[in-house]
N, C-alpha and C. Protein backbone atom coordinates (compact mmCIF):
# COMPACT_ATOMS: atom_id res chain seq x y z
N MET A 1 -73.92 -142.43 -50.01
CA MET A 1 -73.81 -143.77 -50.77
C MET A 1 -73.94 -143.48 -52.26
N ALA A 2 -73.08 -144.14 -53.05
CA ALA A 2 -73.17 -144.17 -54.48
C ALA A 2 -74.27 -145.31 -54.97
N ASN A 3 -74.57 -145.22 -56.07
CA ASN A 3 -75.43 -146.03 -56.90
C ASN A 3 -75.04 -147.49 -56.51
N ALA A 4 -75.87 -148.43 -56.34
CA ALA A 4 -75.37 -149.75 -55.92
C ALA A 4 -76.58 -150.80 -56.39
N VAL A 5 -76.29 -151.99 -56.84
CA VAL A 5 -77.09 -153.04 -57.00
C VAL A 5 -77.07 -153.84 -55.71
N TYR A 6 -78.15 -154.07 -55.06
CA TYR A 6 -78.16 -154.71 -53.75
C TYR A 6 -77.55 -156.18 -53.90
N PRO A 7 -76.50 -156.30 -53.09
CA PRO A 7 -75.68 -157.59 -52.98
C PRO A 7 -76.63 -158.78 -52.92
N LEU A 8 -77.64 -158.90 -52.17
CA LEU A 8 -78.69 -159.94 -52.10
C LEU A 8 -79.42 -160.26 -53.24
N TYR A 9 -79.57 -159.08 -54.15
CA TYR A 9 -80.26 -159.40 -55.38
C TYR A 9 -79.19 -160.11 -56.37
N LYS A 10 -78.10 -159.53 -56.17
CA LYS A 10 -76.94 -160.30 -57.18
C LYS A 10 -77.01 -161.93 -56.66
N LYS A 11 -76.91 -162.12 -55.55
CA LYS A 11 -76.81 -163.59 -54.96
C LYS A 11 -78.15 -164.22 -55.36
N ALA A 12 -79.37 -163.52 -55.37
CA ALA A 12 -80.59 -164.18 -55.83
C ALA A 12 -80.36 -164.72 -57.40
N ILE A 13 -79.77 -163.75 -58.20
CA ILE A 13 -79.68 -164.12 -59.60
C ILE A 13 -78.72 -165.32 -59.69
N LEU A 14 -77.68 -165.19 -59.08
CA LEU A 14 -76.61 -166.28 -59.05
C LEU A 14 -76.99 -167.51 -58.69
N ASP A 15 -78.00 -167.53 -57.68
CA ASP A 15 -78.57 -168.72 -57.19
C ASP A 15 -79.82 -169.40 -58.01
N GLY A 16 -80.34 -168.57 -58.94
CA GLY A 16 -81.43 -168.78 -59.81
C GLY A 16 -82.83 -168.75 -58.83
N ALA A 17 -82.74 -167.81 -57.78
CA ALA A 17 -83.92 -167.65 -56.90
C ALA A 17 -85.16 -167.22 -57.82
N ALA A 18 -86.32 -167.57 -57.01
CA ALA A 18 -87.59 -167.10 -57.61
C ALA A 18 -87.62 -165.51 -57.40
N ASN A 19 -88.40 -164.99 -58.04
CA ASN A 19 -88.86 -163.62 -58.16
C ASN A 19 -87.30 -162.69 -58.35
N SER A 20 -86.52 -163.20 -59.39
CA SER A 20 -85.40 -162.21 -59.59
C SER A 20 -85.31 -161.70 -60.98
N ALA A 21 -86.21 -162.24 -61.81
CA ALA A 21 -86.13 -161.87 -63.24
C ALA A 21 -86.77 -160.44 -63.38
N LEU A 22 -86.28 -159.52 -64.16
CA LEU A 22 -86.66 -158.15 -64.27
C LEU A 22 -87.66 -157.86 -65.44
N THR A 23 -87.87 -158.84 -66.23
CA THR A 23 -88.63 -158.52 -67.45
C THR A 23 -90.38 -159.02 -67.39
N GLY A 24 -90.74 -159.16 -66.19
CA GLY A 24 -92.06 -159.36 -66.17
C GLY A 24 -92.82 -158.11 -66.38
N THR A 25 -94.18 -157.99 -66.09
CA THR A 25 -94.97 -156.78 -66.06
C THR A 25 -96.05 -156.84 -65.02
N GLY A 26 -96.58 -155.75 -64.59
CA GLY A 26 -97.55 -155.62 -63.67
C GLY A 26 -97.11 -156.28 -62.09
N ALA A 27 -97.78 -157.31 -61.82
CA ALA A 27 -97.60 -157.84 -60.62
C ALA A 27 -96.16 -158.41 -60.39
N THR A 28 -95.62 -158.75 -61.60
CA THR A 28 -94.24 -159.38 -61.62
C THR A 28 -93.14 -158.53 -62.38
N GLY A 29 -93.36 -157.21 -62.34
CA GLY A 29 -92.40 -156.33 -63.00
C GLY A 29 -91.35 -155.64 -62.16
N LEU A 30 -90.68 -154.74 -62.73
CA LEU A 30 -89.67 -153.95 -62.10
C LEU A 30 -90.39 -152.64 -61.75
N TRP A 31 -90.31 -152.25 -60.60
CA TRP A 31 -90.94 -150.98 -59.97
C TRP A 31 -89.95 -150.15 -59.29
N VAL A 32 -90.18 -148.91 -59.16
CA VAL A 32 -89.27 -147.76 -58.62
C VAL A 32 -90.12 -147.17 -57.47
N ALA A 33 -89.47 -146.72 -56.46
CA ALA A 33 -89.96 -145.97 -55.34
C ALA A 33 -89.04 -144.63 -55.18
N LEU A 34 -89.64 -143.62 -54.77
CA LEU A 34 -89.13 -142.34 -54.43
C LEU A 34 -88.53 -142.50 -52.89
N VAL A 35 -87.58 -142.28 -52.53
CA VAL A 35 -86.97 -142.33 -51.10
C VAL A 35 -86.44 -141.07 -50.49
N ASP A 36 -86.85 -140.77 -49.30
CA ASP A 36 -86.21 -139.75 -48.47
C ASP A 36 -85.05 -140.32 -47.63
N THR A 37 -83.83 -140.13 -47.95
CA THR A 37 -82.67 -140.55 -47.29
C THR A 37 -82.50 -140.12 -45.81
N GLY A 38 -83.42 -139.11 -45.49
CA GLY A 38 -83.45 -138.75 -44.18
C GLY A 38 -83.98 -139.89 -43.38
N THR A 39 -84.76 -140.57 -43.89
CA THR A 39 -85.47 -141.67 -43.11
C THR A 39 -84.93 -143.11 -43.55
N TYR A 40 -84.46 -143.33 -44.81
CA TYR A 40 -84.00 -144.64 -45.19
C TYR A 40 -82.47 -144.42 -45.45
N VAL A 41 -81.66 -145.40 -45.00
CA VAL A 41 -80.42 -145.54 -45.14
C VAL A 41 -80.10 -146.78 -45.83
N TYR A 42 -79.43 -146.85 -47.02
CA TYR A 42 -79.04 -148.02 -47.82
C TYR A 42 -78.38 -149.05 -46.70
N SER A 43 -78.53 -150.26 -47.12
CA SER A 43 -77.71 -151.35 -46.37
C SER A 43 -77.59 -152.35 -47.19
N ALA A 44 -76.43 -152.86 -47.47
CA ALA A 44 -76.13 -154.27 -48.32
C ALA A 44 -76.92 -155.20 -47.65
N ALA A 45 -77.33 -155.31 -46.34
CA ALA A 45 -78.19 -156.37 -45.91
C ALA A 45 -79.62 -156.40 -46.21
N HIS A 46 -80.02 -155.22 -46.82
CA HIS A 46 -81.54 -155.28 -47.20
C HIS A 46 -81.69 -156.18 -48.31
N GLU A 47 -82.83 -157.03 -48.16
CA GLU A 47 -83.23 -157.88 -49.33
C GLU A 47 -84.33 -157.63 -49.92
N PHE A 48 -85.43 -157.23 -49.12
CA PHE A 48 -86.92 -157.15 -49.51
C PHE A 48 -87.32 -155.63 -49.33
N TYR A 49 -88.38 -155.39 -50.11
CA TYR A 49 -89.14 -154.11 -49.89
C TYR A 49 -89.55 -153.74 -48.42
N SER A 50 -90.02 -154.79 -47.81
CA SER A 50 -90.23 -154.55 -46.41
C SER A 50 -89.28 -153.81 -45.46
N SER A 51 -87.86 -153.88 -45.90
CA SER A 51 -86.97 -153.19 -45.32
C SER A 51 -86.84 -151.63 -45.60
N LEU A 52 -87.59 -151.23 -46.71
CA LEU A 52 -87.47 -149.68 -46.98
C LEU A 52 -88.38 -148.87 -45.98
N SER A 53 -88.00 -147.61 -45.78
CA SER A 53 -88.64 -146.64 -45.04
C SER A 53 -88.67 -145.46 -45.93
N GLY A 54 -89.27 -144.34 -45.39
CA GLY A 54 -89.08 -143.09 -46.22
C GLY A 54 -89.57 -143.13 -47.68
N ILE A 55 -90.55 -143.85 -48.01
CA ILE A 55 -91.09 -143.78 -49.23
C ILE A 55 -91.99 -142.63 -49.33
N VAL A 56 -91.70 -142.02 -50.58
CA VAL A 56 -92.60 -140.69 -50.72
C VAL A 56 -93.46 -140.94 -52.05
N GLY A 57 -94.74 -140.73 -52.12
CA GLY A 57 -95.52 -140.73 -53.21
C GLY A 57 -95.73 -142.34 -53.34
N THR A 58 -96.48 -142.64 -54.60
CA THR A 58 -96.88 -143.89 -54.90
C THR A 58 -95.89 -144.49 -55.91
N ASP A 59 -95.28 -145.62 -55.66
CA ASP A 59 -94.40 -146.51 -56.64
C ASP A 59 -94.99 -146.44 -57.87
N VAL A 60 -94.10 -146.68 -58.75
CA VAL A 60 -94.42 -146.75 -60.30
C VAL A 60 -93.77 -147.92 -60.97
N GLU A 61 -94.48 -148.51 -61.95
CA GLU A 61 -93.79 -149.56 -62.61
C GLU A 61 -93.03 -149.13 -63.80
N ILE A 62 -91.80 -149.64 -63.95
CA ILE A 62 -91.00 -149.42 -65.14
C ILE A 62 -91.39 -150.37 -66.16
N THR A 63 -91.94 -149.79 -67.37
CA THR A 63 -92.32 -150.65 -68.49
C THR A 63 -91.39 -150.70 -69.55
N SER A 64 -91.57 -151.69 -70.49
CA SER A 64 -90.72 -152.04 -71.50
C SER A 64 -89.20 -152.28 -70.88
N VAL A 65 -89.14 -152.96 -70.10
CA VAL A 65 -87.83 -153.29 -69.44
C VAL A 65 -86.85 -154.25 -70.36
N THR A 66 -85.73 -153.82 -70.66
CA THR A 66 -84.65 -154.63 -71.43
C THR A 66 -83.55 -155.01 -70.61
N THR A 67 -82.82 -156.27 -70.85
CA THR A 67 -81.77 -156.43 -70.26
C THR A 67 -80.51 -157.03 -71.29
N LEU A 68 -80.08 -156.05 -71.95
CA LEU A 68 -79.43 -156.48 -73.01
C LEU A 68 -77.80 -156.14 -72.78
N SER A 69 -77.02 -157.24 -72.91
CA SER A 69 -75.46 -157.02 -72.50
C SER A 69 -75.27 -156.61 -71.22
N GLY A 70 -76.06 -156.91 -70.12
CA GLY A 70 -75.79 -156.63 -68.94
C GLY A 70 -76.33 -155.28 -68.59
N VAL A 71 -77.07 -154.47 -69.44
CA VAL A 71 -77.41 -153.35 -69.03
C VAL A 71 -79.09 -153.31 -69.01
N VAL A 72 -79.52 -152.91 -67.80
CA VAL A 72 -81.09 -152.71 -67.52
C VAL A 72 -81.51 -151.41 -67.99
N ASP A 73 -82.63 -151.41 -68.79
CA ASP A 73 -83.03 -150.20 -69.30
C ASP A 73 -84.69 -150.30 -69.31
N GLY A 74 -85.32 -149.37 -69.48
CA GLY A 74 -86.87 -149.30 -69.41
C GLY A 74 -87.37 -147.78 -69.69
N ASP A 75 -88.59 -147.71 -69.79
CA ASP A 75 -89.28 -146.40 -69.92
C ASP A 75 -89.09 -145.42 -68.82
N ASN A 76 -88.97 -144.29 -69.23
CA ASN A 76 -88.89 -143.15 -68.14
C ASN A 76 -90.13 -143.27 -67.28
N VAL A 77 -90.27 -142.64 -66.09
CA VAL A 77 -91.40 -142.98 -65.16
C VAL A 77 -91.83 -141.60 -64.79
N THR A 78 -93.08 -141.53 -64.43
CA THR A 78 -93.81 -140.23 -63.83
C THR A 78 -94.54 -140.63 -62.65
N PHE A 79 -94.10 -140.04 -61.52
CA PHE A 79 -94.87 -140.35 -60.18
C PHE A 79 -95.75 -139.22 -60.26
N LEU A 80 -97.01 -139.47 -59.96
CA LEU A 80 -98.24 -138.49 -60.00
C LEU A 80 -98.42 -137.80 -58.75
N SER A 81 -98.72 -136.47 -58.84
CA SER A 81 -99.24 -135.77 -57.74
C SER A 81 -98.43 -136.18 -56.32
N VAL A 82 -97.09 -135.70 -56.46
CA VAL A 82 -96.40 -136.20 -55.31
C VAL A 82 -96.33 -135.13 -54.28
N SER A 83 -96.67 -135.55 -52.84
CA SER A 83 -96.40 -134.47 -52.00
C SER A 83 -95.53 -135.14 -50.72
N GLY A 84 -94.93 -134.42 -50.02
CA GLY A 84 -94.13 -135.07 -48.82
C GLY A 84 -92.79 -134.54 -48.71
N THR A 85 -91.85 -135.30 -48.03
CA THR A 85 -90.68 -134.78 -47.75
C THR A 85 -89.68 -134.90 -48.99
N THR A 86 -88.50 -134.37 -49.00
CA THR A 86 -87.43 -134.25 -50.03
C THR A 86 -87.24 -135.72 -50.54
N VAL A 87 -87.04 -135.88 -51.70
CA VAL A 87 -86.69 -137.20 -52.41
C VAL A 87 -85.15 -137.00 -52.87
N GLU A 88 -84.46 -138.00 -52.38
CA GLU A 88 -82.99 -137.84 -52.68
C GLU A 88 -82.39 -139.20 -53.47
N ALA A 89 -83.39 -140.26 -53.43
CA ALA A 89 -82.79 -141.50 -53.93
C ALA A 89 -84.12 -142.14 -54.59
N LEU A 90 -83.70 -143.21 -55.45
CA LEU A 90 -84.74 -144.17 -55.99
C LEU A 90 -84.34 -145.72 -55.67
N VAL A 91 -85.40 -146.34 -55.26
CA VAL A 91 -84.93 -147.75 -55.09
C VAL A 91 -85.90 -148.59 -55.99
N LEU A 92 -85.14 -149.44 -56.89
CA LEU A 92 -85.86 -150.37 -57.85
C LEU A 92 -86.06 -151.74 -57.13
N TYR A 93 -87.17 -152.22 -57.39
CA TYR A 93 -87.49 -153.55 -56.75
C TYR A 93 -88.11 -154.43 -57.80
N ARG A 94 -88.25 -155.76 -57.43
CA ARG A 94 -89.17 -156.76 -58.49
C ARG A 94 -90.14 -157.16 -57.50
N LYS A 95 -91.22 -156.64 -57.99
CA LYS A 95 -92.56 -156.97 -57.54
C LYS A 95 -93.00 -158.37 -57.92
N ASN A 96 -93.70 -158.99 -57.03
CA ASN A 96 -94.55 -160.26 -57.42
C ASN A 96 -95.85 -160.25 -56.70
N ALA A 97 -96.37 -161.24 -56.78
CA ALA A 97 -98.04 -161.39 -56.42
C ALA A 97 -98.04 -161.56 -54.94
N GLY A 98 -96.89 -161.86 -54.28
CA GLY A 98 -96.87 -162.06 -52.81
C GLY A 98 -96.86 -160.75 -51.94
N ALA A 99 -96.58 -160.86 -50.68
CA ALA A 99 -96.47 -159.83 -49.89
C ALA A 99 -95.22 -159.09 -50.00
N ASN A 100 -95.20 -157.92 -49.56
CA ASN A 100 -93.82 -156.94 -49.98
C ASN A 100 -92.59 -157.65 -49.16
N THR A 101 -92.83 -158.63 -48.29
CA THR A 101 -91.63 -159.26 -47.71
C THR A 101 -91.13 -160.11 -48.66
N THR A 102 -91.66 -160.34 -49.83
CA THR A 102 -90.97 -161.08 -50.89
C THR A 102 -90.61 -160.34 -52.18
N TRP A 103 -90.67 -159.00 -52.13
CA TRP A 103 -90.42 -158.23 -53.28
C TRP A 103 -88.89 -157.94 -53.29
N ARG A 104 -88.11 -158.42 -54.02
CA ARG A 104 -86.68 -158.15 -54.00
C ARG A 104 -86.05 -156.67 -54.33
N LEU A 105 -85.44 -156.12 -53.45
CA LEU A 105 -84.75 -154.96 -53.62
C LEU A 105 -83.62 -155.08 -54.87
N VAL A 106 -83.64 -154.38 -55.76
CA VAL A 106 -82.79 -154.55 -57.02
C VAL A 106 -81.55 -153.53 -56.88
N ALA A 107 -81.82 -152.19 -56.95
CA ALA A 107 -80.84 -151.27 -56.94
C ALA A 107 -81.24 -150.07 -56.23
N TYR A 108 -80.23 -149.30 -55.96
CA TYR A 108 -80.30 -148.01 -54.97
C TYR A 108 -79.65 -147.07 -55.83
N ILE A 109 -80.29 -146.00 -56.35
CA ILE A 109 -79.71 -144.86 -57.12
C ILE A 109 -79.99 -143.53 -56.38
N ASP A 110 -78.86 -142.90 -56.18
CA ASP A 110 -78.95 -141.56 -55.46
C ASP A 110 -78.04 -140.55 -56.17
N SER A 111 -77.36 -141.02 -57.27
CA SER A 111 -76.50 -139.94 -57.86
C SER A 111 -76.76 -140.13 -59.42
N SER A 112 -76.43 -138.99 -60.23
CA SER A 112 -76.56 -139.04 -61.57
C SER A 112 -78.00 -139.16 -61.87
N VAL A 113 -79.03 -138.64 -61.21
CA VAL A 113 -80.42 -138.64 -61.54
C VAL A 113 -80.64 -137.04 -61.78
N ALA A 114 -80.92 -136.92 -63.05
CA ALA A 114 -81.44 -135.43 -63.43
C ALA A 114 -82.73 -134.99 -62.66
N GLY A 115 -82.56 -133.71 -62.07
CA GLY A 115 -83.76 -133.18 -61.27
C GLY A 115 -83.74 -133.69 -59.82
N MET A 116 -82.64 -134.42 -59.29
CA MET A 116 -82.73 -134.80 -57.99
C MET A 116 -81.60 -134.24 -57.14
N PRO A 117 -81.78 -133.89 -55.90
CA PRO A 117 -82.92 -134.26 -55.13
C PRO A 117 -84.15 -133.35 -55.47
N VAL A 118 -85.22 -133.66 -55.09
CA VAL A 118 -86.45 -132.87 -55.51
C VAL A 118 -87.34 -132.74 -54.20
N THR A 119 -87.93 -131.61 -53.82
CA THR A 119 -89.01 -131.24 -52.93
C THR A 119 -90.22 -131.44 -53.65
N PRO A 120 -91.05 -132.48 -53.27
CA PRO A 120 -92.29 -132.47 -53.89
C PRO A 120 -93.22 -131.32 -53.38
N ASN A 121 -94.08 -131.03 -54.51
CA ASN A 121 -95.03 -129.79 -54.23
C ASN A 121 -96.33 -130.31 -54.66
N GLY A 122 -96.74 -131.41 -54.68
CA GLY A 122 -98.21 -131.82 -55.13
C GLY A 122 -98.15 -132.10 -56.58
N GLY A 123 -97.18 -131.72 -57.36
CA GLY A 123 -97.10 -132.01 -58.83
C GLY A 123 -96.53 -133.26 -59.22
N ASP A 124 -96.44 -133.56 -60.41
CA ASP A 124 -95.81 -134.80 -60.86
C ASP A 124 -94.25 -134.71 -60.76
N VAL A 125 -93.64 -135.87 -60.62
CA VAL A 125 -92.08 -135.98 -60.60
C VAL A 125 -91.76 -137.10 -61.71
N THR A 126 -90.99 -136.69 -62.66
CA THR A 126 -90.65 -137.36 -63.68
C THR A 126 -89.38 -137.68 -63.80
N VAL A 127 -88.94 -139.08 -63.83
CA VAL A 127 -87.42 -139.53 -63.84
C VAL A 127 -87.33 -139.98 -65.09
N THR A 128 -86.02 -139.38 -65.72
CA THR A 128 -85.62 -139.70 -66.95
C THR A 128 -84.40 -140.36 -66.92
N TRP A 129 -84.24 -141.58 -67.27
CA TRP A 129 -83.18 -142.44 -67.09
C TRP A 129 -82.07 -142.01 -67.95
N ASN A 130 -81.00 -142.39 -67.70
CA ASN A 130 -79.60 -142.18 -68.53
C ASN A 130 -79.88 -142.74 -69.77
N ALA A 131 -79.39 -142.16 -70.95
CA ALA A 131 -79.48 -142.60 -72.30
C ALA A 131 -78.72 -144.13 -72.40
N SER A 132 -77.70 -144.26 -71.50
CA SER A 132 -77.00 -145.51 -71.62
C SER A 132 -77.66 -146.75 -70.67
N GLY A 133 -78.84 -146.44 -70.02
CA GLY A 133 -79.44 -147.39 -69.38
C GLY A 133 -79.65 -147.03 -67.83
N ILE A 134 -80.43 -147.75 -67.25
CA ILE A 134 -80.92 -147.28 -65.75
C ILE A 134 -79.62 -147.82 -65.04
N PHE A 135 -79.03 -149.10 -65.14
CA PHE A 135 -77.86 -149.68 -64.47
C PHE A 135 -77.22 -150.68 -65.34
N ALA A 136 -76.08 -150.97 -64.95
CA ALA A 136 -75.44 -152.14 -65.63
C ALA A 136 -74.80 -153.03 -64.68
N PHE A 137 -74.63 -154.25 -64.97
CA PHE A 137 -73.74 -155.25 -64.31
C PHE A 137 -72.30 -154.86 -64.93
N GLN A 138 -71.37 -154.86 -64.12
CA GLN A 138 -70.12 -154.72 -64.65
C GLN A 138 -69.02 -155.70 -63.96
């Protein structure tokens, strides 16, 4: 699977749905999960975090998110003390104060990520986003 913005996230933006803005922080921010693709398979039908499986480590918030000219960017992230199975993909999602059945899946990234795939060994895993941004609407 190539990198993709989840189609149901695009629909949520076009419909002006709740919990679709990416510029919140903390409980309403943009978060990222490490994913083992041996357990999780991308599906255009997935809409919420509760559809994910194969999550490795503890999810991390992306801070200083910007959405300039259709490009989403933010600070690099570090997952602390990660152990578990091999990580081949990242899933970005929009968290909110509700249950994970309401956290919108935003993007699936499995290519062009420096240092991935990675087999966790209990150390930190740092994700450095591309200098041109995390992803863009085209």
